[in-house]
Amino acid sequence: MKMFLTRLGYESKAVITGDVTQIDLPDHRRSGLTEAESLLRGIEGIAFCYFTEVDVVRHPLVAEIIRAYDRKTQNNSAGRPPGSEG
């Protein structure tokens, strides 16, 4: 990420897309996307946009899939075992 970002020239623009919920690196490895977000937040001229299922313009089932994974994440964060919604 650093290599890419440090190559920006005058009048250039870059858009980097990624989904932090789909990082599949081993636990000891940090994602370049999340590292860039934490290092660059608050720098003038750099912005971060976050999308939800409302922004999905694919098949309606994709929005349902996103909601299902969000529920799992919320349940895991609350200390509940996966699959024990309700």
N, C-alpha and C. Protein backbone atom coordinates (compact mmCIF):
# COMPACT_ATOMS: atom_id res chain seq x y z
N MET A 1 0.84 -1.18 0.00
CA MET A 1 0.00 0.00 0.00
C MET A 1 0.89 1.24 0.00
N LYS A 2 1.91 1.24 0.85
CA LYS A 2 2.80 2.39 0.92
C LYS A 2 3.47 2.63 -0.43
N MET A 3 3.91 1.55 -1.07
CA MET A 3 4.56 1.69 -2.37
C MET A 3 3.63 2.36 -3.37
N PHE A 4 2.38 1.96 -3.39
CA PHE A 4 1.42 2.55 -4.33
C PHE A 4 1.16 4.01 -3.99
N LEU A 5 0.85 4.28 -2.74
CA LEU A 5 0.46 5.63 -2.34
C LEU A 5 1.58 6.66 -2.49
N THR A 6 2.81 6.23 -2.33
CA THR A 6 3.92 7.17 -2.44
C THR A 6 4.32 7.45 -3.89
N ARG A 7 3.61 6.88 -4.83
CA ARG A 7 3.87 7.15 -6.25
C ARG A 7 2.89 8.16 -6.84
N LEU A 8 1.99 8.70 -6.03
CA LEU A 8 1.03 9.68 -6.52
C LEU A 8 1.76 10.95 -6.94
N GLY A 9 1.38 11.50 -8.08
CA GLY A 9 1.98 12.73 -8.57
C GLY A 9 1.04 13.91 -8.41
N TYR A 10 1.54 15.08 -8.79
CA TYR A 10 0.71 16.30 -8.74
C TYR A 10 -0.54 16.12 -9.59
N GLU A 11 -1.66 16.64 -9.08
CA GLU A 11 -2.94 16.60 -9.78
C GLU A 11 -3.47 15.18 -9.98
N SER A 12 -2.90 14.21 -9.32
CA SER A 12 -3.38 12.83 -9.49
C SER A 12 -4.42 12.52 -8.43
N LYS A 13 -5.22 11.52 -8.73
CA LYS A 13 -6.23 11.04 -7.81
C LYS A 13 -6.17 9.52 -7.82
N ALA A 14 -6.47 8.93 -6.70
CA ALA A 14 -6.49 7.47 -6.61
C ALA A 14 -7.69 7.05 -5.78
N VAL A 15 -8.27 5.95 -6.17
CA VAL A 15 -9.35 5.34 -5.40
C VAL A 15 -8.91 3.91 -5.10
N ILE A 16 -8.91 3.58 -3.84
CA ILE A 16 -8.55 2.24 -3.41
C ILE A 16 -9.80 1.61 -2.83
N THR A 17 -10.15 0.46 -3.31
CA THR A 17 -11.34 -0.21 -2.79
C THR A 17 -10.93 -1.47 -2.05
N GLY A 18 -11.69 -1.80 -1.07
CA GLY A 18 -11.44 -3.02 -0.31
C GLY A 18 -12.56 -3.25 0.67
N ASP A 19 -12.59 -4.43 1.20
CA ASP A 19 -13.61 -4.80 2.17
C ASP A 19 -12.92 -5.41 3.38
N VAL A 20 -12.85 -4.65 4.47
CA VAL A 20 -12.14 -5.13 5.65
C VAL A 20 -12.80 -6.35 6.28
N THR A 21 -14.03 -6.65 5.90
CA THR A 21 -14.69 -7.85 6.42
C THR A 21 -14.26 -9.09 5.66
N GLN A 22 -13.48 -8.92 4.59
CA GLN A 22 -13.06 -10.06 3.80
C GLN A 22 -11.54 -10.27 3.83
N ILE A 23 -10.89 -9.77 4.85
CA ILE A 23 -9.45 -9.97 5.01
C ILE A 23 -9.23 -11.40 5.48
N ASP A 24 -8.39 -12.13 4.75
CA ASP A 24 -8.16 -13.53 5.11
C ASP A 24 -6.69 -13.81 5.41
N LEU A 25 -5.97 -12.79 5.88
CA LEU A 25 -4.57 -12.98 6.25
C LEU A 25 -4.48 -13.72 7.57
N PRO A 26 -3.36 -14.42 7.81
CA PRO A 26 -3.19 -15.06 9.13
C PRO A 26 -3.25 -13.99 10.23
N ASP A 27 -3.61 -14.40 11.43
CA ASP A 27 -3.81 -13.47 12.55
C ASP A 27 -2.63 -12.54 12.81
N HIS A 28 -1.43 -13.00 12.60
CA HIS A 28 -0.25 -12.19 12.91
C HIS A 28 0.09 -11.17 11.82
N ARG A 29 -0.61 -11.22 10.69
CA ARG A 29 -0.34 -10.30 9.58
C ARG A 29 -1.39 -9.21 9.56
N ARG A 30 -0.96 -7.97 9.42
CA ARG A 30 -1.90 -6.85 9.37
C ARG A 30 -2.19 -6.50 7.92
N SER A 31 -3.43 -6.22 7.64
CA SER A 31 -3.86 -5.82 6.31
C SER A 31 -3.32 -4.44 5.98
N GLY A 32 -2.80 -4.27 4.77
CA GLY A 32 -2.36 -2.96 4.32
C GLY A 32 -3.51 -1.98 4.26
N LEU A 33 -4.70 -2.47 3.99
CA LEU A 33 -5.88 -1.62 3.93
C LEU A 33 -6.21 -1.04 5.30
N THR A 34 -6.24 -1.88 6.33
CA THR A 34 -6.55 -1.37 7.67
C THR A 34 -5.41 -0.53 8.23
N GLU A 35 -4.20 -0.88 7.88
CA GLU A 35 -3.06 -0.08 8.34
C GLU A 35 -3.10 1.32 7.71
N ALA A 36 -3.37 1.38 6.41
CA ALA A 36 -3.47 2.68 5.74
C ALA A 36 -4.60 3.50 6.35
N GLU A 37 -5.72 2.86 6.63
CA GLU A 37 -6.85 3.58 7.22
C GLU A 37 -6.46 4.20 8.57
N SER A 38 -5.79 3.45 9.41
CA SER A 38 -5.44 3.98 10.73
C SER A 38 -4.35 5.04 10.65
N LEU A 39 -3.41 4.90 9.73
CA LEU A 39 -2.33 5.87 9.60
C LEU A 39 -2.76 7.17 8.92
N LEU A 40 -3.66 7.08 7.95
CA LEU A 40 -3.97 8.22 7.11
C LEU A 40 -5.24 8.96 7.50
N ARG A 41 -6.00 8.40 8.43
CA ARG A 41 -7.24 9.05 8.87
C ARG A 41 -6.89 10.43 9.43
N GLY A 42 -7.65 11.42 8.99
CA GLY A 42 -7.44 12.78 9.49
C GLY A 42 -6.51 13.63 8.64
N ILE A 43 -5.88 13.03 7.63
CA ILE A 43 -5.02 13.82 6.75
C ILE A 43 -5.89 14.51 5.70
N GLU A 44 -5.72 15.82 5.60
CA GLU A 44 -6.51 16.60 4.65
C GLU A 44 -6.26 16.10 3.23
N GLY A 45 -7.33 15.91 2.47
CA GLY A 45 -7.23 15.43 1.10
C GLY A 45 -7.40 13.93 0.97
N ILE A 46 -7.50 13.23 2.11
CA ILE A 46 -7.73 11.78 2.10
C ILE A 46 -9.07 11.53 2.78
N ALA A 47 -9.90 10.74 2.13
CA ALA A 47 -11.23 10.45 2.67
C ALA A 47 -11.48 8.94 2.64
N PHE A 48 -12.30 8.49 3.54
CA PHE A 48 -12.72 7.09 3.60
C PHE A 48 -14.23 7.04 3.49
N CYS A 49 -14.74 6.16 2.66
CA CYS A 49 -16.18 5.97 2.48
C CYS A 49 -16.52 4.55 2.91
N TYR A 50 -17.63 4.39 3.59
CA TYR A 50 -18.07 3.08 4.05
C TYR A 50 -19.45 2.79 3.48
N PHE A 51 -19.60 1.59 2.96
CA PHE A 51 -20.85 1.19 2.34
C PHE A 51 -21.54 0.15 3.20
N THR A 52 -22.85 0.07 3.05
CA THR A 52 -23.65 -0.94 3.75
C THR A 52 -24.46 -1.71 2.71
N GLU A 53 -25.33 -2.59 3.19
CA GLU A 53 -26.17 -3.35 2.25
C GLU A 53 -27.07 -2.45 1.43
N VAL A 54 -27.34 -1.25 1.90
CA VAL A 54 -28.17 -0.30 1.16
C VAL A 54 -27.49 0.09 -0.15
N ASP A 55 -26.17 0.08 -0.16
CA ASP A 55 -25.41 0.48 -1.33
C ASP A 55 -25.25 -0.64 -2.37
N VAL A 56 -25.67 -1.83 -2.01
CA VAL A 56 -25.52 -2.97 -2.92
C VAL A 56 -26.49 -2.83 -4.08
N VAL A 57 -25.97 -2.87 -5.29
CA VAL A 57 -26.81 -2.75 -6.48
C VAL A 57 -26.82 -4.04 -7.28
N ARG A 58 -26.51 -5.12 -6.61
CA ARG A 58 -26.54 -6.43 -7.25
C ARG A 58 -27.89 -7.08 -6.98
N HIS A 59 -27.91 -8.36 -7.12
CA HIS A 59 -29.11 -9.14 -6.85
C HIS A 59 -29.54 -8.91 -5.40
N PRO A 60 -30.84 -8.84 -5.13
CA PRO A 60 -31.32 -8.61 -3.76
C PRO A 60 -30.79 -9.63 -2.75
N LEU A 61 -30.49 -10.82 -3.19
CA LEU A 61 -29.94 -11.82 -2.26
C LEU A 61 -28.58 -11.40 -1.71
N VAL A 62 -27.83 -10.63 -2.47
CA VAL A 62 -26.52 -10.17 -2.00
C VAL A 62 -26.70 -9.32 -0.74
N ALA A 63 -27.69 -8.44 -0.73
CA ALA A 63 -27.95 -7.63 0.46
C ALA A 63 -28.31 -8.53 1.65
N GLU A 64 -29.09 -9.58 1.42
CA GLU A 64 -29.45 -10.52 2.49
C GLU A 64 -28.21 -11.24 3.02
N ILE A 65 -27.31 -11.61 2.12
CA ILE A 65 -26.07 -12.28 2.51
C ILE A 65 -25.24 -11.35 3.38
N ILE A 66 -25.14 -10.09 2.99
CA ILE A 66 -24.38 -9.12 3.78
C ILE A 66 -24.98 -8.97 5.17
N ARG A 67 -26.31 -8.88 5.24
CA ARG A 67 -26.97 -8.76 6.55
C ARG A 67 -26.70 -9.99 7.42
N ALA A 68 -26.72 -11.17 6.81
CA ALA A 68 -26.46 -12.40 7.57
C ALA A 68 -25.06 -12.39 8.16
N TYR A 69 -24.08 -11.99 7.37
CA TYR A 69 -22.71 -11.92 7.88
C TYR A 69 -22.57 -10.84 8.94
N ASP A 70 -23.25 -9.72 8.77
CA ASP A 70 -23.23 -8.66 9.78
C ASP A 70 -23.80 -9.17 11.10
N ARG A 71 -24.90 -9.93 11.03
CA ARG A 71 -25.49 -10.50 12.25
C ARG A 71 -24.49 -11.42 12.95
N LYS A 72 -23.80 -12.23 12.17
CA LYS A 72 -22.81 -13.15 12.75
C LYS A 72 -21.71 -12.35 13.45
N THR A 73 -21.23 -11.30 12.81
CA THR A 73 -20.18 -10.47 13.41
C THR A 73 -20.67 -9.84 14.69
N GLN A 74 -21.90 -9.32 14.68
CA GLN A 74 -22.46 -8.70 15.89
C GLN A 74 -22.62 -9.72 17.01
N ASN A 75 -23.08 -10.92 16.67
CA ASN A 75 -23.24 -11.96 17.68
C ASN A 75 -21.90 -12.38 18.26
N ASN A 76 -20.89 -12.51 17.40
CA ASN A 76 -19.56 -12.89 17.88
C ASN A 76 -18.98 -11.80 18.77
N SER A 77 -19.24 -10.55 18.43
CA SER A 77 -18.75 -9.44 19.24
C SER A 77 -19.42 -9.40 20.60
N ALA A 78 -20.64 -9.87 20.66
CA ALA A 78 -21.40 -9.88 21.92
C ALA A 78 -21.07 -11.10 22.78
N GLY A 79 -20.15 -11.94 22.28
CA GLY A 79 -19.75 -13.11 23.06
C GLY A 79 -20.63 -14.32 22.89
N ARG A 80 -21.52 -14.26 21.92
CA ARG A 80 -22.40 -15.40 21.66
C ARG A 80 -21.75 -16.33 20.65
N PRO A 81 -21.95 -17.61 20.77
CA PRO A 81 -21.39 -18.53 19.77
C PRO A 81 -22.08 -18.34 18.42
N PRO A 82 -21.35 -18.57 17.31
CA PRO A 82 -21.96 -18.44 15.98
C PRO A 82 -23.18 -19.34 15.84
N GLY A 83 -24.20 -18.84 15.18
CA GLY A 83 -25.40 -19.64 14.93
C GLY A 83 -26.42 -19.59 16.06
N SER A 84 -26.16 -18.79 17.09
CA SER A 84 -27.11 -18.74 18.21
C SER A 84 -27.87 -17.43 18.24
N GLU A 85 -28.33 -16.99 17.08
CA GLU A 85 -29.09 -15.74 17.04
C GLU A 85 -30.38 -15.88 17.82
N GLY A 86 -30.83 -14.76 18.37
CA GLY A 86 -32.13 -14.76 19.02
C GLY A 86 -32.03 -14.73 20.43
